[in-house]
Amino acid sequence: MNELKQAQPHNGFPPSNLPRDPETGYFLDIPARIREIYTHNCFMSDFFHIHIDEIYCGGAQVSLHIEHDKHANHRNVVHGGVLTALADSVLGVTGASVGEAVVTASFSMDFISNVSMDGIVRMISNVKHHGRSTMVIIGEMYDEKNRLLATMLASMVNVDKIDGIPRKW
């Protein structure tokens, strides 16, 4: 029974061989650890091909290359669900940046402008509130010309701590 428990990843996250600080136990390269966790997220990596551009304490930036044949709706514009999926994808990464495994409790998105086909869209997020059991994350979505496309507000539930990632770094 103990062997089975040891073979399973901690908190559902894959194990890591990345180096840790011997005194604190924190990963020395926290962005690398978060990327390692999210390489196993099939929705982000295999289905949507969402790229994690940047991770910093309390925030992240993810991006998606918009392709007409994959992301257009019947009106020949990018489907709002694609943009919402991109926005939702940044939330887990942002929570992880402060050592929290999170799930979405509520999520709202305001669309301001649509994006051109065959371009890059990026979502930038920041933690606005980090409590014991909840987190509020805000975000803004931009195109390649740095035009604001959408804003996001999400309330998250902190469901677990992520081993090796501190609240502040």
Protein backbone atom coordinates (compact mmCIF):
# COMPACT_ATOMS: atom_id res chain seq x y z
CA MET A 1 0.00 0.00 0.00
CA ASN A 2 2.79 2.49 0.84
CA GLU A 3 4.54 1.76 -2.44
CA LEU A 4 1.37 2.67 -4.35
CA LYS A 5 1.03 5.98 -2.50
CA GLN A 6 4.66 6.90 -3.16
CA ALA A 7 4.35 6.19 -6.89
CA GLN A 8 1.39 8.54 -7.28
CA PRO A 9 2.11 12.22 -7.96
CA HIS A 10 1.69 14.63 -5.05
CA ASN A 11 -1.67 16.46 -5.14
CA GLY A 12 -2.34 15.10 -8.61
CA PHE A 13 0.68 16.91 -10.04
CA PRO A 14 3.43 14.99 -11.82
CA PRO A 15 6.61 14.42 -9.83
CA SER A 16 9.63 16.54 -10.65
CA ASN A 17 13.38 16.14 -10.79
CA LEU A 18 13.96 19.89 -10.93
CA PRO A 19 16.42 21.15 -8.30
CA ARG A 20 15.13 22.53 -5.01
CA ASP A 21 16.62 24.81 -2.41
CA PRO A 22 17.95 22.41 0.27
CA GLU A 23 16.87 24.73 3.11
CA THR A 24 13.34 25.71 2.02
CA GLY A 25 12.41 22.83 -0.30
CA TYR A 26 11.21 25.37 -2.89
CA PHE A 27 12.00 24.81 -6.54
CA LEU A 28 14.91 26.94 -7.71
CA ASP A 29 13.18 27.63 -11.03
CA ILE A 30 9.51 28.07 -10.17
CA PRO A 31 8.38 28.98 -13.72
CA ALA A 32 10.03 25.78 -14.98
CA ARG A 33 8.10 23.74 -12.40
CA ILE A 34 4.79 25.34 -13.36
CA ARG A 35 5.49 24.72 -17.06
CA GLU A 36 6.34 21.12 -16.19
CA ILE A 37 2.97 20.73 -14.44
CA TYR A 38 1.05 22.23 -17.37
CA THR A 39 2.76 20.15 -20.06
CA HIS A 40 0.43 17.42 -18.79
CA ASN A 41 -2.69 19.57 -19.33
CA CYS A 42 -4.11 18.00 -22.50
CA PHE A 43 -6.66 20.77 -23.00
CA MET A 44 -4.00 23.48 -23.09
CA SER A 45 -1.18 21.62 -24.83
CA ASP A 46 -2.81 19.10 -27.15
CA PHE A 47 -6.23 20.50 -27.96
CA PHE A 48 -5.85 24.28 -28.01
CA HIS A 49 -2.04 24.57 -28.24
CA ILE A 50 -1.96 27.34 -25.66
CA HIS A 51 1.57 28.52 -24.94
CA ILE A 52 2.73 29.70 -21.51
CA ASP A 53 4.81 32.78 -22.36
CA GLU A 54 5.60 34.17 -18.94
CA ILE A 55 5.16 33.24 -15.28
CA TYR A 56 5.92 35.55 -12.40
CA CYS A 57 4.83 35.64 -8.78
CA GLY A 58 1.14 36.51 -8.87
CA GLY A 59 0.63 36.43 -12.61
CA ALA A 60 1.18 34.91 -16.00
CA GLN A 61 0.85 35.43 -19.72
CA VAL A 62 -0.42 32.77 -22.11
CA SER A 63 -0.96 32.99 -25.85
CA LEU A 64 -2.69 31.26 -28.70
CA HIS A 65 -2.09 31.38 -32.44
CA ILE A 66 -5.50 31.98 -34.01
CA GLU A 67 -6.16 29.88 -37.09
CA HIS A 68 -9.22 30.40 -39.26
CA ASP A 69 -9.87 26.70 -39.91
CA LYS A 70 -9.83 25.89 -36.18
CA HIS A 71 -11.21 28.97 -34.46
CA ALA A 72 -13.72 30.72 -36.78
CA ASN A 73 -17.44 30.55 -36.15
CA HIS A 74 -20.25 30.61 -38.74
CA ARG A 75 -19.88 34.42 -39.06
CA ASN A 76 -16.23 34.02 -40.02
CA VAL A 77 -14.86 35.61 -36.82
CA VAL A 78 -13.07 34.02 -33.88
CA HIS A 79 -15.57 32.18 -31.71
CA GLY A 80 -15.93 33.76 -28.26
CA GLY A 81 -15.56 30.33 -26.70
CA VAL A 82 -12.01 30.10 -28.04
CA LEU A 83 -11.11 33.42 -26.42
CA THR A 84 -12.85 32.37 -23.20
CA ALA A 85 -10.92 29.08 -23.17
CA LEU A 86 -7.67 31.03 -23.50
CA ALA A 87 -8.70 33.30 -20.61
CA ASP A 88 -9.73 30.34 -18.46
CA SER A 89 -6.44 28.57 -19.17
CA VAL A 90 -4.39 31.33 -17.59
CA LEU A 91 -6.21 30.94 -14.27
CA GLY A 92 -4.60 27.70 -13.11
CA VAL A 93 -1.15 28.94 -14.11
CA THR A 94 -1.75 32.17 -12.19
CA GLY A 95 -2.89 30.29 -9.09
CA ALA A 96 0.16 28.04 -9.33
CA SER A 97 2.39 31.13 -9.43
CA VAL A 98 1.51 31.71 -5.77
CA GLY A 99 1.58 28.05 -4.78
CA GLU A 100 -2.14 27.29 -5.04
CA ALA A 101 -4.03 24.63 -6.93
CA VAL A 102 -7.27 26.41 -7.86
CA VAL A 103 -10.63 25.73 -9.47
CA THR A 104 -12.91 28.31 -11.01
CA ALA A 105 -15.91 29.35 -8.89
CA SER A 106 -17.11 32.17 -11.15
CA PHE A 107 -15.81 33.74 -14.30
CA SER A 108 -16.87 36.75 -16.33
CA MET A 109 -15.49 38.12 -19.54
CA ASP A 110 -16.18 41.36 -21.34
CA PHE A 111 -15.48 41.28 -25.06
CA ILE A 112 -14.31 44.63 -26.43
CA SER A 113 -13.08 43.81 -29.92
CA ASN A 114 -12.62 40.71 -32.02
CA VAL A 115 -9.24 39.51 -33.19
CA SER A 116 -7.96 39.14 -36.72
CA MET A 117 -7.58 35.65 -38.09
CA ASP A 118 -4.12 34.10 -38.24
CA GLY A 119 -2.69 36.21 -35.44
CA ILE A 120 -1.47 35.75 -31.88
CA VAL A 121 -3.73 36.53 -28.94
CA ARG A 122 -2.26 36.86 -25.45
CA MET A 123 -3.91 36.87 -22.05
CA ILE A 124 -2.17 38.60 -19.14
CA SER A 125 -3.39 37.86 -15.62
CA ASN A 126 -2.72 39.03 -12.08
CA VAL A 127 -3.87 37.97 -8.64
CA LYS A 128 -5.87 40.79 -7.04
CA HIS A 129 -6.81 38.93 -3.86
CA HIS A 130 -5.16 35.88 -2.32
CA GLY A 131 -7.02 34.68 0.72
CA ARG A 132 -6.90 31.47 2.68
CA SER A 133 -9.64 29.77 0.68
CA THR A 134 -10.28 32.02 -2.33
CA MET A 135 -8.45 34.04 -4.92
CA VAL A 136 -9.55 36.77 -7.34
CA ILE A 137 -7.73 36.98 -10.66
CA ILE A 138 -8.11 39.70 -13.28
CA GLY A 139 -6.90 39.61 -16.84
CA GLU A 140 -6.65 41.47 -20.10
CA MET A 141 -6.47 40.02 -23.59
CA TYR A 142 -4.51 41.69 -26.40
CA ASP A 143 -3.78 41.06 -30.08
CA GLU A 144 -0.46 41.46 -31.89
CA LYS A 145 -1.11 45.20 -32.34
CA ASN A 146 -1.56 45.53 -28.57
CA ARG A 147 -5.29 46.28 -28.95
CA LEU A 148 -7.36 45.39 -25.92
CA LEU A 149 -9.73 42.58 -26.93
CA ALA A 150 -11.30 41.54 -23.64
CA THR A 151 -11.14 41.75 -19.87
CA MET A 152 -11.69 38.97 -17.37
CA LEU A 153 -12.59 38.66 -13.70
CA ALA A 154 -12.51 35.28 -11.98
CA SER A 155 -13.14 34.05 -8.45
CA MET A 156 -11.19 30.93 -7.65
CA VAL A 157 -11.34 28.39 -4.85
CA ASN A 158 -7.97 27.36 -3.43
CA VAL A 159 -8.24 23.56 -3.27
CA ASP A 160 -4.67 22.63 -2.35
CA LYS A 161 -1.13 23.92 -1.96
CA ILE A 162 1.41 23.09 -4.63
CA ASP A 163 4.46 21.51 -3.06
CA GLY A 164 7.67 23.44 -3.66
CA ILE A 165 6.09 26.73 -4.76
CA PRO A 166 5.87 29.48 -2.12
CA ARG A 167 3.24 32.20 -1.87
CA LYS A 168 5.90 34.84 -2.59
CA TRP A 169 9.13 34.49 -4.57
